[in-house]
C-alpha atoms as a PDB file:
ATOM      1  CA  MET A   1     143.871 113.405  57.717  1.00  0.00           C
ATOM      2  CA  LEU A   2     141.510 110.605  58.719  1.00  0.00           C
ATOM      3  CA  ASP A   3     143.022 107.099  59.544  1.00  0.00           C
ATOM      4  CA  PRO A   4     141.930 104.630  56.714  1.00  0.00           C
ATOM      5  CA  LEU A   5     140.935 102.566  59.231  1.00  0.00           C
ATOM      6  CA  THR A   6     138.193 104.456  59.732  1.00  0.00           C
ATOM      7  CA  HIS A   7     137.464 103.747  56.375  1.00  0.00           C
ATOM      8  CA  ILE A   8     137.489 100.096  56.524  1.00  0.00           C
ATOM      9  CA  GLN A   9     135.809 100.321  59.460  1.00  0.00           C
ATOM     10  CA  LEU A  10     132.999 101.868  58.478  1.00  0.00           C
ATOM     11  CA  ILE A  11     132.985  99.876  55.232  1.00  0.00           C
ATOM     12  CA  GLY A  12     133.077  96.999  57.333  1.00  0.00           C
ATOM     13  CA  GLY A  13     129.862  98.308  59.715  1.00  0.00           C
ATOM     14  CA  PHE A  14     128.235  98.690  55.907  1.00  0.00           C
ATOM     15  CA  LEU A  15     128.788  94.718  55.161  1.00  0.00           C
ATOM     16  CA  LEU A  16     127.898  93.458  58.614  1.00  0.00           C
ATOM     17  CA  LEU A  17     124.287  95.500  58.796  1.00  0.00           C
ATOM     18  CA  PHE A  18     123.857  94.276  55.145  1.00  0.00           C
ATOM     19  CA  ALA A  19     124.382  90.709  55.971  1.00  0.00           C
ATOM     20  CA  GLY A  20     123.428  90.717  59.406  1.00  0.00           C
ATOM     21  CA  GLY A  21     119.813  91.947  58.420  1.00  0.00           C
ATOM     22  CA  GLU A  22     119.544  89.496  55.149  1.00  0.00           C
ATOM     23  CA  ALA A  23     120.100  86.804  57.621  1.00  0.00           C
ATOM     24  CA  LEU A  24     117.842  87.746  60.133  1.00  0.00           C
ATOM     25  CA  VAL A  25     115.010  88.415  58.475  1.00  0.00           C
ATOM     26  CA  ARG A  26     115.600  85.169  56.075  1.00  0.00           C
ATOM     27  CA  GLY A  27     116.079  83.054  59.336  1.00  0.00           C
ATOM     28  CA  SER A  28     113.266  84.903  61.345  1.00  0.00           C
ATOM     29  CA  VAL A  29     110.592  84.320  58.307  1.00  0.00           C
ATOM     30  CA  SER A  30     111.949  80.685  58.109  1.00  0.00           C
ATOM     31  CA  LEU A  31     111.010  79.856  62.048  1.00  0.00           C
ATOM     32  CA  ALA A  32     108.359  81.613  61.691  1.00  0.00           C
ATOM     33  CA  ARG A  33     106.857  79.331  58.588  1.00  0.00           C
ATOM     34  CA  ARG A  34     108.344  76.216  60.733  1.00  0.00           C
ATOM     35  CA  LEU A  35     105.834  77.427  63.533  1.00  0.00           C
ATOM     36  CA  ASN A  36     102.696  77.861  61.674  1.00  0.00           C
ATOM     37  CA  VAL A  37     102.550  81.717  61.827  1.00  0.00           C
ATOM     38  CA  SER A  38     100.501  82.764  58.906  1.00  0.00           C
ATOM     39  CA  PRO A  39     102.798  84.508  55.462  1.00  0.00           C
ATOM     40  CA  LEU A  40     100.051  87.622  56.544  1.00  0.00           C
ATOM     41  CA  LEU A  41     101.491  87.867  60.268  1.00  0.00           C
ATOM     42  CA  ILE A  42     104.783  87.217  58.720  1.00  0.00           C
ATOM     43  CA  GLY A  43     104.623  90.126  56.040  1.00  0.00           C
ATOM     44  CA  ALA A  44     102.924  92.495  58.414  1.00  0.00           C
ATOM     45  CA  THR A  45     105.657  91.934  61.710  1.00  0.00           C
ATOM     46  CA  VAL A  46     108.654  89.724  61.307  1.00  0.00           C
ATOM     47  CA  VAL A  47     109.903  91.106  58.044  1.00  0.00           C
ATOM     48  CA  ALA A  48     108.729  94.692  58.607  1.00  0.00           C
ATOM     49  CA  PHE A  49     110.598  95.016  62.075  1.00  0.00           C
ATOM     50  CA  GLY A  50     113.644  92.343  60.707  1.00  0.00           C
ATOM     51  CA  THR A  51     114.586  95.010  57.792  1.00  0.00           C
ATOM     52  CA  SER A  52     114.365  97.552  60.195  1.00  0.00           C
ATOM     53  CA  MET A  53     116.522  96.285  62.527  1.00  0.00           C
ATOM     54  CA  PRO A  54     119.779  98.225  61.760  1.00  0.00           C
ATOM     55  CA  GLU A  55     118.467 101.327  61.943  1.00  0.00           C
ATOM     56  CA  LEU A  56     117.135 100.858  65.299  1.00  0.00           C
ATOM     57  CA  VAL A  57     120.399  99.385  66.835  1.00  0.00           C
ATOM     58  CA  VAL A  58     122.129 102.356  65.184  1.00  0.00           C
ATOM     59  CA  THR A  59     119.777 104.905  66.678  1.00  0.00           C
ATOM     60  CA  LEU A  60     119.691 103.123  69.819  1.00  0.00           C
ATOM     61  CA  GLN A  61     123.768 102.912  70.244  1.00  0.00           C
ATOM     62  CA  ALA A  62     123.978 106.151  68.588  1.00  0.00           C
ATOM     63  CA  ALA A  63     121.527 107.962  71.336  1.00  0.00           C
ATOM     64  CA  LEU A  64     123.150 106.038  74.403  1.00  0.00           C
ATOM     65  CA  ARG A  65     127.035 107.218  73.267  1.00  0.00           C
ATOM     66  CA  GLY A  66     124.992 110.819  73.188  1.00  0.00           C
ATOM     67  CA  SER A  67     124.988 111.445  69.515  1.00  0.00           C
ATOM     68  CA  ALA A  68     121.937 112.917  68.932  1.00  0.00           C
ATOM     69  CA  GLY A  69     122.790 114.084  65.504  1.00  0.00           C
ATOM     70  CA  ILE A  70     123.732 110.317  64.247  1.00  0.00           C
ATOM     71  CA  ALA A  71     120.714 109.124  66.061  1.00  0.00           C
ATOM     72  CA  PHE A  72     118.041 111.889  64.603  1.00  0.00           C
ATOM     73  CA  GLY A  73     119.649 111.721  61.155  1.00  0.00           C
ATOM     74  CA  ASN A  74     119.257 107.912  61.113  1.00  0.00           C
ATOM     75  CA  VAL A  75     115.533 108.309  60.812  1.00  0.00           C
ATOM     76  CA  ILE A  76     115.281 110.783  59.236  1.00  0.00           C
ATOM     77  CA  GLY A  77     117.655 110.137  56.252  1.00  0.00           C
ATOM     78  CA  SER A  78     116.484 106.352  56.133  1.00  0.00           C
ATOM     79  CA  ASN A  79     113.201 107.407  55.637  1.00  0.00           C
ATOM     80  CA  ILE A  80     114.340 110.587  52.760  1.00  0.00           C
ATOM     81  CA  ALA A  81     116.387 107.363  51.505  1.00  0.00           C
ATOM     82  CA  ASN A  82     113.447 105.209  51.195  1.00  0.00           C
ATOM     83  CA  LEU A  83     111.032 107.987  49.754  1.00  0.00           C
ATOM     84  CA  LEU A  84     113.275 109.103  47.148  1.00  0.00           C
ATOM     85  CA  LEU A  85     116.324 106.666  46.714  1.00  0.00           C
ATOM     86  CA  ILE A  86     115.212 103.389  46.936  1.00  0.00           C
ATOM     87  CA  PHE A  87     111.610 104.377  45.717  1.00  0.00           C
ATOM     88  CA  GLY A  88     112.775 106.371  42.714  1.00  0.00           C
ATOM     89  CA  LEU A  89     114.698 102.673  41.528  1.00  0.00           C
ATOM     90  CA  ALA A  90     112.509 100.398  42.115  1.00  0.00           C
ATOM     91  CA  ILE A  91     110.108 102.490  39.514  1.00  0.00           C
ATOM     92  CA  ALA A  92     113.002 103.079  37.391  1.00  0.00           C
ATOM     93  CA  ILE A  93     113.627  99.167  37.264  1.00  0.00           C
ATOM     94  CA  THR A  94     109.710  98.701  36.501  1.00  0.00           C
ATOM     95  CA  PRO A  95     107.414 101.524  35.878  1.00  0.00           C
ATOM     96  CA  VAL A  96     103.994 100.796  38.000  1.00  0.00           C
ATOM     97  CA  MET A  97     100.381 101.739  38.399  1.00  0.00           C
ATOM     98  CA  VAL A  98      99.618 101.622  42.561  1.00  0.00           C
ATOM     99  CA  THR A  99      96.194 100.668  43.502  1.00  0.00           C
ATOM    100  CA  ARG A 100      95.298 103.906  45.685  1.00  0.00           C
ATOM    101  CA  ARG A 101      93.705 101.348  48.164  1.00  0.00           C
ATOM    102  CA  ALA A 102      96.395  99.145  48.601  1.00  0.00           C
ATOM    103  CA  ALA A 103      98.305 102.222  49.501  1.00  0.00           C
ATOM    104  CA  ALA A 104      96.238 104.504  50.676  1.00  0.00           C
ATOM    105  CA  ARG A 105      96.022 103.415  54.555  1.00  0.00           C
ATOM    106  CA  ASP A 106      99.775 102.661  55.042  1.00  0.00           C
ATOM    107  CA  GLY A 107     100.486 105.864  53.182  1.00  0.00           C
ATOM    108  CA  GLY A 108      97.866 107.791  55.427  1.00  0.00           C
ATOM    109  CA  VAL A 109      99.469 106.576  58.617  1.00  0.00           C
ATOM    110  CA  LEU A 110     103.241 107.348  57.480  1.00  0.00           C
ATOM    111  CA  VAL A 111     101.778 111.005  57.203  1.00  0.00           C
ATOM    112  CA  VAL A 112     100.149 111.367  60.476  1.00  0.00           C
ATOM    113  CA  ALA A 113     103.482 109.894  61.318  1.00  0.00           C
ATOM    114  CA  THR A 114     105.782 112.261  60.054  1.00  0.00           C
ATOM    115  CA  ALA A 115     103.431 115.331  61.301  1.00  0.00           C
ATOM    116  CA  LEU A 116     103.632 113.823  65.057  1.00  0.00           C
ATOM    117  CA  LEU A 117     106.959 113.790  65.172  1.00  0.00           C
ATOM    118  CA  VAL A 118     107.537 117.118  63.462  1.00  0.00           C
ATOM    119  CA  VAL A 119     105.002 117.756  66.803  1.00  0.00           C
ATOM    120  CA  PHE A 120     107.019 115.876  68.951  1.00  0.00           C
ATOM    121  CA  THR A 121     110.505 117.801  67.654  1.00  0.00           C
ATOM    122  CA  SER A 122     109.619 121.160  68.480  1.00  0.00           C
ATOM    123  CA  PHE A 123     109.712 120.530  72.151  1.00  0.00           C
ATOM    124  CA  GLY A 124     113.066 120.368  71.882  1.00  0.00           C
ATOM    125  CA  THR A 125     113.524 117.156  73.369  1.00  0.00           C
ATOM    126  CA  LEU A 126     112.169 113.600  72.932  1.00  0.00           C
ATOM    127  CA  VAL A 127     111.193 111.897  75.984  1.00  0.00           C
ATOM    128  CA  ALA A 128     109.699 108.714  77.080  1.00  0.00           C
ATOM    129  CA  TRP A 129     105.787 109.681  77.563  1.00  0.00           C
ATOM    130  CA  GLN A 130     106.253 110.369  73.129  1.00  0.00           C
ATOM    131  CA  GLY A 131     107.641 107.106  72.371  1.00  0.00           C
ATOM    132  CA  ALA A 132     105.494 105.599  74.244  1.00  0.00           C
ATOM    133  CA  LEU A 133     102.732 106.990  72.285  1.00  0.00           C
ATOM    134  CA  MET A 134     104.318 106.401  69.095  1.00  0.00           C
ATOM    135  CA  LEU A 135     104.479 102.594  70.361  1.00  0.00           C
ATOM    136  CA  VAL A 136     101.147 102.333  71.033  1.00  0.00           C
ATOM    137  CA  LEU A 137      99.828 103.675  67.696  1.00  0.00           C
ATOM    138  CA  LEU A 138     102.695 101.221  66.057  1.00  0.00           C
ATOM    139  CA  ALA A 139     100.558  98.569  67.909  1.00  0.00           C
ATOM    140  CA  LEU A 140      97.078  99.764  66.922  1.00  0.00           C
ATOM    141  CA  PHE A 141      97.671 100.345  63.471  1.00  0.00           C
ATOM    142  CA  THR A 142      99.437  96.400  63.338  1.00  0.00           C
ATOM    143  CA  GLY A 143      96.513  94.798  65.580  1.00  0.00           C
ATOM    144  CA  GLY A 144      93.840  96.785  63.284  1.00  0.00           C
ATOM    145  CA  SER A 145      95.709  96.169  59.787  1.00  0.00           C
ATOM    146  CA  TYR A 146      96.351  92.463  60.963  1.00  0.00           C
ATOM    147  CA  TRP A 147      92.647  91.354  62.145  1.00  0.00           C
ATOM    148  CA  HIS A 148      90.622  93.676  58.822  1.00  0.00           C
ATOM    149  CA  GLU A 149      93.051  91.655  56.491  1.00  0.00           C
ATOM    150  CA  ARG A 150      92.631  88.223  57.846  1.00  0.00           C
ATOM    151  CA  GLN A 151      88.971  88.729  58.577  1.00  0.00           C
ATOM    152  CA  LEU A 152      87.821  90.733  55.364  1.00  0.00           C
ATOM    153  CA  GLY A 153      91.284  90.769  53.057  1.00  0.00           C
ATOM    154  CA  SER A 154      92.221  93.369  51.094  1.00  0.00           C
ATOM    155  CA  ALA A 155      95.041  94.349  48.673  1.00  0.00           C
ATOM    156  CA  THR A 156      97.477  95.636  51.714  1.00  0.00           C
ATOM    157  CA  GLY A 157      97.296  91.911  52.807  1.00  0.00           C
ATOM    158  CA  THR A 158      97.688  90.327  49.900  1.00  0.00           C
ATOM    159  CA  ARG A 159     101.122  92.282  49.562  1.00  0.00           C
ATOM    160  CA  HIS A 160     102.185  91.451  53.141  1.00  0.00           C
ATOM    161  CA  VAL A 161     101.816  87.285  52.261  1.00  0.00           C
ATOM    162  CA  HIS A 162     103.709  88.254  48.852  1.00  0.00           C
ATOM    163  CA  GLU A 163     106.309  90.325  50.729  1.00  0.00           C
ATOM    164  CA  ALA A 164     107.422  87.359  53.238  1.00  0.00           C
ATOM    165  CA  GLU A 165     107.164  85.073  49.959  1.00  0.00           C
ATOM    166  CA  GLU A 166     109.974  87.457  48.884  1.00  0.00           C
ATOM    167  CA  ARG A 167     111.819  86.808  51.525  1.00  0.00           C
ATOM    168  CA  GLN A 168     111.896  83.287  51.736  1.00  0.00           C
ATOM    169  CA  ARG A 169     110.696  80.902  48.989  1.00  0.00           C
ATOM    170  CA  LEU A 170     112.035  77.576  50.832  1.00  0.00           C
ATOM    171  CA  PRO A 171     111.558  76.937  54.513  1.00  0.00           C
ATOM    172  CA  ARG A 172     114.558  76.086  56.085  1.00  0.00           C
ATOM    173  CA  PRO A 173     114.826  73.296  59.146  1.00  0.00           C
ATOM    174  CA  ILE A 174     114.652  74.796  62.830  1.00  0.00           C
ATOM    175  CA  TRP A 175     118.349  74.010  63.154  1.00  0.00           C
ATOM    176  CA  LEU A 176     119.284  75.817  60.772  1.00  0.00           C
ATOM    177  CA  ALA A 177     116.867  78.876  61.329  1.00  0.00           C
ATOM    178  CA  VAL A 178     117.838  80.074  64.416  1.00  0.00           C
ATOM    179  CA  PRO A 179     121.297  80.141  64.015  1.00  0.00           C
ATOM    180  CA  THR A 180     120.493  82.275  61.605  1.00  0.00           C
ATOM    181  CA  ALA A 181     118.363  84.477  63.149  1.00  0.00           C
ATOM    182  CA  LEU A 182     120.978  84.792  65.608  1.00  0.00           C
ATOM    183  CA  PHE A 183     124.253  85.374  63.074  1.00  0.00           C
ATOM    184  CA  GLY A 184     121.933  87.913  61.812  1.00  0.00           C
ATOM    185  CA  LEU A 185     121.452  89.809  64.623  1.00  0.00           C
ATOM    186  CA  ALA A 186     124.807  89.433  66.036  1.00  0.00           C
ATOM    187  CA  ALA A 187     125.950  91.078  62.638  1.00  0.00           C
ATOM    188  CA  VAL A 188     123.676  93.866  62.882  1.00  0.00           C
ATOM    189  CA  ALA A 189     124.649  94.706  66.403  1.00  0.00           C
ATOM    190  CA  GLY A 190     128.244  94.606  66.054  1.00  0.00           C
ATOM    191  CA  GLY A 191     127.918  96.488  62.109  1.00  0.00           C
ATOM    192  CA  ALA A 192     126.247  98.815  64.322  1.00  0.00           C
ATOM    193  CA  HIS A 193     128.689  99.405  66.648  1.00  0.00           C
ATOM    194  CA  LEU A 194     131.535  99.753  63.943  1.00  0.00           C
ATOM    195  CA  MET A 195     129.370 102.582  61.624  1.00  0.00           C
ATOM    196  CA  VAL A 196     128.733 104.778  64.550  1.00  0.00           C
ATOM    197  CA  GLY A 197     131.889 104.831  66.008  1.00  0.00           C
ATOM    198  CA  ALA A 198     133.652 105.112  62.583  1.00  0.00           C
ATOM    199  CA  ALA A 199     130.574 107.830  61.116  1.00  0.00           C
ATOM    200  CA  THR A 200     131.351 109.794  64.316  1.00  0.00           C
ATOM    201  CA  VAL A 201     135.334 109.739  64.295  1.00  0.00           C
ATOM    202  CA  ILE A 202     134.652 111.030  60.219  1.00  0.00           C
ATOM    203  CA  ALA A 203     132.543 113.618  61.584  1.00  0.00           C
ATOM    204  CA  ARG A 204     135.184 114.945  63.541  1.00  0.00           C
ATOM    205  CA  GLY A 205     138.113 114.764  61.286  1.00  0.00           C
ATOM    206  CA  LEU A 206     136.268 116.952  58.268  1.00  0.00           C
ATOM    207  CA  GLY A 207     134.311 119.320  60.751  1.00  0.00           C
ATOM    208  CA  ILE A 208     131.087 118.358  59.453  1.00  0.00           C
ATOM    209  CA  SER A 209     127.995 117.584  62.016  1.00  0.00           C
ATOM    210  CA  GLU A 210     126.512 114.459  62.879  1.00  0.00           C
ATOM    211  CA  THR A 211     123.562 115.058  61.743  1.00  0.00           C
ATOM    212  CA  VAL A 212     124.765 114.916  58.173  1.00  0.00           C
ATOM    213  CA  ILE A 213     127.159 111.675  58.470  1.00  0.00           C
ATOM    214  CA  GLY A 214     123.654 110.593  60.073  1.00  0.00           C
ATOM    215  CA  ILE A 215     121.393 111.964  57.395  1.00  0.00           C
ATOM    216  CA  THR A 216     123.751 110.577  54.504  1.00  0.00           C
ATOM    217  CA  ILE A 217     126.339 107.928  54.921  1.00  0.00           C
ATOM    218  CA  VAL A 218     124.487 106.029  58.128  1.00  0.00           C
ATOM    219  CA  ALA A 219     120.823 106.075  56.846  1.00  0.00           C
ATOM    220  CA  VAL A 220     121.650 104.729  53.374  1.00  0.00           C
ATOM    221  CA  GLY A 221     123.649 101.918  55.568  1.00  0.00           C
ATOM    222  CA  THR A 222     121.348 100.748  57.599  1.00  0.00           C
ATOM    223  CA  SER A 223     118.874 100.942  54.738  1.00  0.00           C
ATOM    224  CA  LEU A 224     120.036  98.462  52.749  1.00  0.00           C
ATOM    225  CA  PRO A 225     118.392  95.649  53.629  1.00  0.00           C
ATOM    226  CA  GLU A 226     115.235  97.857  52.570  1.00  0.00           C
ATOM    227  CA  LEU A 227     117.268  98.484  49.303  1.00  0.00           C
ATOM    228  CA  ALA A 228     117.809  94.696  48.344  1.00  0.00           C
ATOM    229  CA  THR A 229     113.883  93.976  49.434  1.00  0.00           C
ATOM    230  CA  THR A 230     112.609  96.515  47.131  1.00  0.00           C
ATOM    231  CA  VAL A 231     114.710  95.842  44.475  1.00  0.00           C
ATOM    232  CA  VAL A 232     114.310  92.491  44.301  1.00  0.00           C
ATOM    233  CA  ALA A 233     110.906  92.492  43.926  1.00  0.00           C
ATOM    234  CA  ALA A 234     110.855  95.474  41.230  1.00  0.00           C
ATOM    235  CA  TYR A 235     112.711  93.219  39.086  1.00  0.00           C
ATOM    236  CA  ARG A 236     110.439  90.330  39.403  1.00  0.00           C
ATOM    237  CA  ARG A 237     107.794  93.163  39.012  1.00  0.00           C
ATOM    238  CA  HIS A 238     106.599  92.579  42.317  1.00  0.00           C
ATOM    239  CA  ALA A 239     105.362  96.487  42.147  1.00  0.00           C
ATOM    240  CA  ASP A 240     102.840  95.941  45.094  1.00  0.00           C
ATOM    241  CA  VAL A 241     105.664  94.528  47.320  1.00  0.00           C
ATOM    242  CA  ALA A 242     108.110  97.029  45.861  1.00  0.00           C
ATOM    243  CA  ILE A 243     106.337 100.286  47.309  1.00  0.00           C
ATOM    244  CA  GLY A 244     104.578  98.877  50.149  1.00  0.00           C
ATOM    245  CA  ASN A 245     108.224  97.910  51.556  1.00  0.00           C
ATOM    246  CA  VAL A 246     109.241 101.565  51.146  1.00  0.00           C
ATOM    247  CA  ILE A 247     106.514 102.685  53.086  1.00  0.00           C
ATOM    248  CA  GLY A 248     105.700 100.117  55.874  1.00  0.00           C
ATOM    249  CA  SER A 249     109.655 100.638  56.043  1.00  0.00           C
ATOM    250  CA  SER A 250     109.003 104.667  57.166  1.00  0.00           C
ATOM    251  CA  VAL A 251     106.376 104.205  58.816  1.00  0.00           C
ATOM    252  CA  PHE A 252     108.646 101.212  61.322  1.00  0.00           C
ATOM    253  CA  ASN A 253     111.156 103.943  61.499  1.00  0.00           C
ATOM    254  CA  ILE A 254     109.348 106.602  63.217  1.00  0.00           C
ATOM    255  CA  LEU A 255     107.190 104.939  65.441  1.00  0.00           C
ATOM    256  CA  ALA A 256     109.389 101.826  65.971  1.00  0.00           C
ATOM    257  CA  ILE A 257     112.737 103.310  66.523  1.00  0.00           C
ATOM    258  CA  MET A 258     111.841 106.454  67.338  1.00  0.00           C
ATOM    259  CA  GLY A 259     109.394 104.969  69.915  1.00  0.00           C
ATOM    260  CA  VAL A 260     112.027 102.440  71.422  1.00  0.00           C
ATOM    261  CA  VAL A 261     115.006 105.324  71.520  1.00  0.00           C
ATOM    262  CA  ILE A 262     113.480 107.579  73.166  1.00  0.00           C
ATOM    263  CA  VAL A 263     111.548 105.294  75.591  1.00  0.00           C
ATOM    264  CA  VAL A 264     115.211 103.896  76.461  1.00  0.00           C
ATOM    265  CA  THR A 265     116.597 107.228  76.601  1.00  0.00           C
ATOM    266  CA  PRO A 266     115.842 111.530  75.633  1.00  0.00           C
ATOM    267  CA  LEU A 267     116.983 112.543  72.924  1.00  0.00           C
ATOM    268  CA  PRO A 268     117.709 116.186  72.232  1.00  0.00           C
ATOM    269  CA  VAL A 269     117.048 117.662  68.878  1.00  0.00           C
ATOM    270  CA  PRO A 270     119.884 118.674  67.186  1.00  0.00           C
ATOM    271  CA  ALA A 271     119.593 122.728  65.750  1.00  0.00           C
ATOM    272  CA  GLU A 272     119.483 121.677  62.586  1.00  0.00           C
ATOM    273  CA  VAL A 273     117.446 119.075  62.743  1.00  0.00           C
ATOM    274  CA  LEU A 274     114.916 121.589  63.897  1.00  0.00           C
ATOM    275  CA  ASN A 275     115.402 124.305  61.079  1.00  0.00           C
ATOM    276  CA  VAL A 276     115.890 122.441  58.358  1.00  0.00           C
ATOM    277  CA  GLU A 277     115.596 118.457  58.108  1.00  0.00           C
ATOM    278  CA  ILE A 278     112.631 117.673  59.652  1.00  0.00           C
ATOM    279  CA  TRP A 279     110.849 120.314  57.328  1.00  0.00           C
ATOM    280  CA  VAL A 280     112.572 118.319  54.360  1.00  0.00           C
ATOM    281  CA  LEU A 281     111.204 115.346  55.452  1.00  0.00           C
ATOM    282  CA  ALA A 282     107.577 116.502  55.932  1.00  0.00           C
ATOM    283  CA  GLY A 283     107.651 118.166  52.529  1.00  0.00           C
ATOM    284  CA  ILE A 284     108.962 115.315  50.396  1.00  0.00           C
ATOM    285  CA  THR A 285     106.393 112.206  52.433  1.00  0.00           C
ATOM    286  CA  ALA A 286     103.891 114.564  51.725  1.00  0.00           C
ATOM    287  CA  LEU A 287     104.919 114.932  47.998  1.00  0.00           C
ATOM    288  CA  VAL A 288     105.656 111.097  47.522  1.00  0.00           C
ATOM    289  CA  ILE A 289     102.174 109.600  49.178  1.00  0.00           C
ATOM    290  CA  ALA A 290     100.283 112.338  46.910  1.00  0.00           C
ATOM    291  CA  ILE A 291     102.007 111.350  43.999  1.00  0.00           C
ATOM    292  CA  THR A 292     101.555 107.978  44.924  1.00  0.00           C
ATOM    293  CA  LEU A 293      97.874 107.876  45.509  1.00  0.00           C
ATOM    294  CA  SER A 294      97.213 110.069  42.845  1.00  0.00           C
ATOM    295  CA  GLY A 295      96.798 106.637  40.623  1.00  0.00           C
ATOM    296  CA  ILE A 296      99.121 108.273  38.036  1.00  0.00           C
ATOM    297  CA  ARG A 297     101.648 105.318  36.195  1.00  0.00           C
ATOM    298  CA  MET A 298     104.998 106.302  37.457  1.00  0.00           C
ATOM    299  CA  GLY A 299     107.302 105.467  34.880  1.00  0.00           C
ATOM    300  CA  ARG A 300     111.184 105.604  34.749  1.00  0.00           C
ATOM    301  CA  PRO A 301     111.423 109.384  34.685  1.00  0.00           C
ATOM    302  CA  LEU A 302     109.486 110.144  37.726  1.00  0.00           C
ATOM    303  CA  GLY A 303     112.405 107.310  39.167  1.00  0.00           C
ATOM    304  CA  VAL A 304     114.955 109.459  37.697  1.00  0.00           C
ATOM    305  CA  LEU A 305     113.852 112.767  38.892  1.00  0.00           C
ATOM    306  CA  PHE A 306     113.284 110.805  42.552  1.00  0.00           C
ATOM    307  CA  LEU A 307     117.000 109.665  42.704  1.00  0.00           C
ATOM    308  CA  LEU A 308     118.117 113.052  41.384  1.00  0.00           C
ATOM    309  CA  GLY A 309     116.334 114.450  43.651  1.00  0.00           C
ATOM    310  CA  TYR A 310     118.211 112.537  46.576  1.00  0.00           C
ATOM    311  CA  ALA A 311     121.263 113.272  44.728  1.00  0.00           C
ATOM    312  CA  ALA A 312     121.083 117.023  45.185  1.00  0.00           C
ATOM    313  CA  PHE A 313     120.200 115.996  48.450  1.00  0.00           C
ATOM    314  CA  ALA A 314     122.900 114.645  49.685  1.00  0.00           C
ATOM    315  CA  ALA A 315     124.942 117.430  47.991  1.00  0.00           C
ATOM    316  CA  VAL A 316     123.408 120.264  49.799  1.00  0.00           C
ATOM    317  CA  GLN A 317     123.768 118.554  53.255  1.00  0.00           C
ATOM    318  CA  TYR A 318     127.232 118.637  52.460  1.00  0.00           C
ATOM    319  CA  LEU A 319     127.773 122.054  50.912  1.00  0.00           C
ATOM    320  CA  GLY A 320     125.581 123.491  53.093  1.00  0.00           C
ATOM    321  CA  VAL A 321     127.733 122.980  56.303  1.00  0.00           C
END
């Protein structure tokens, strides 16, 4: 029987990750605005990096502790949660019709990033040169996107501006923004430490693989900042922000988080990831992006279907072990 303190540790990690992620993003956005950084750049970089920080810290800590299952499971599970759970919840709240132009580029990059991850996992171990390539691609994508949107303007650029506004409507003074961001960073680090430790103990105590714990419980916990952003945007009927946040976060999970982690330390690919989970991720990514780019009106029935799909995926993870 598991120690109740382990469950308290896991819940505490969740809460710290959520509070820390929110504080880090809001403090960073406030600071960037005080430094006269454009809302476009804030939305394209500060918000994207900030909301992905919980995934980065958890994945890095898990990798350094030798818990490759949690590290891989967190990245793959976070993307599946983004595309089914968070996306489904958003369109269940507010039915939308996505402008193809606004989603085509980011959706295409997500498909390429996912395909690259599939190829790299086939090597059996992810190593530094692969991570460096991912980070170079991320830098090219981010820099090119910013230049294109600043020079020519686009629906995606407008979405990034709105994304920044969603996170911080009123600028805060620097003396408050800096401590807020630092508190957020410390809380994310502390929450990640608690969550990885508790998840490892729970997996061993229940006889469940660390990959399953990482791909479900840990992944949902680290996706809470994206969930908060997307639900608020959907509630305010800012569909471009909601859907753009889901796709953008998924790109960052692969190129930034996995890239940074395997530059720091090699990461062996667990057998269940190589044989099953990576292909599930590839299929879900292709399906959701195809639906998004089809131009159809995505209403509540589709949102409910996505949510049921995620519930079925999570159930199979536990029933299949």
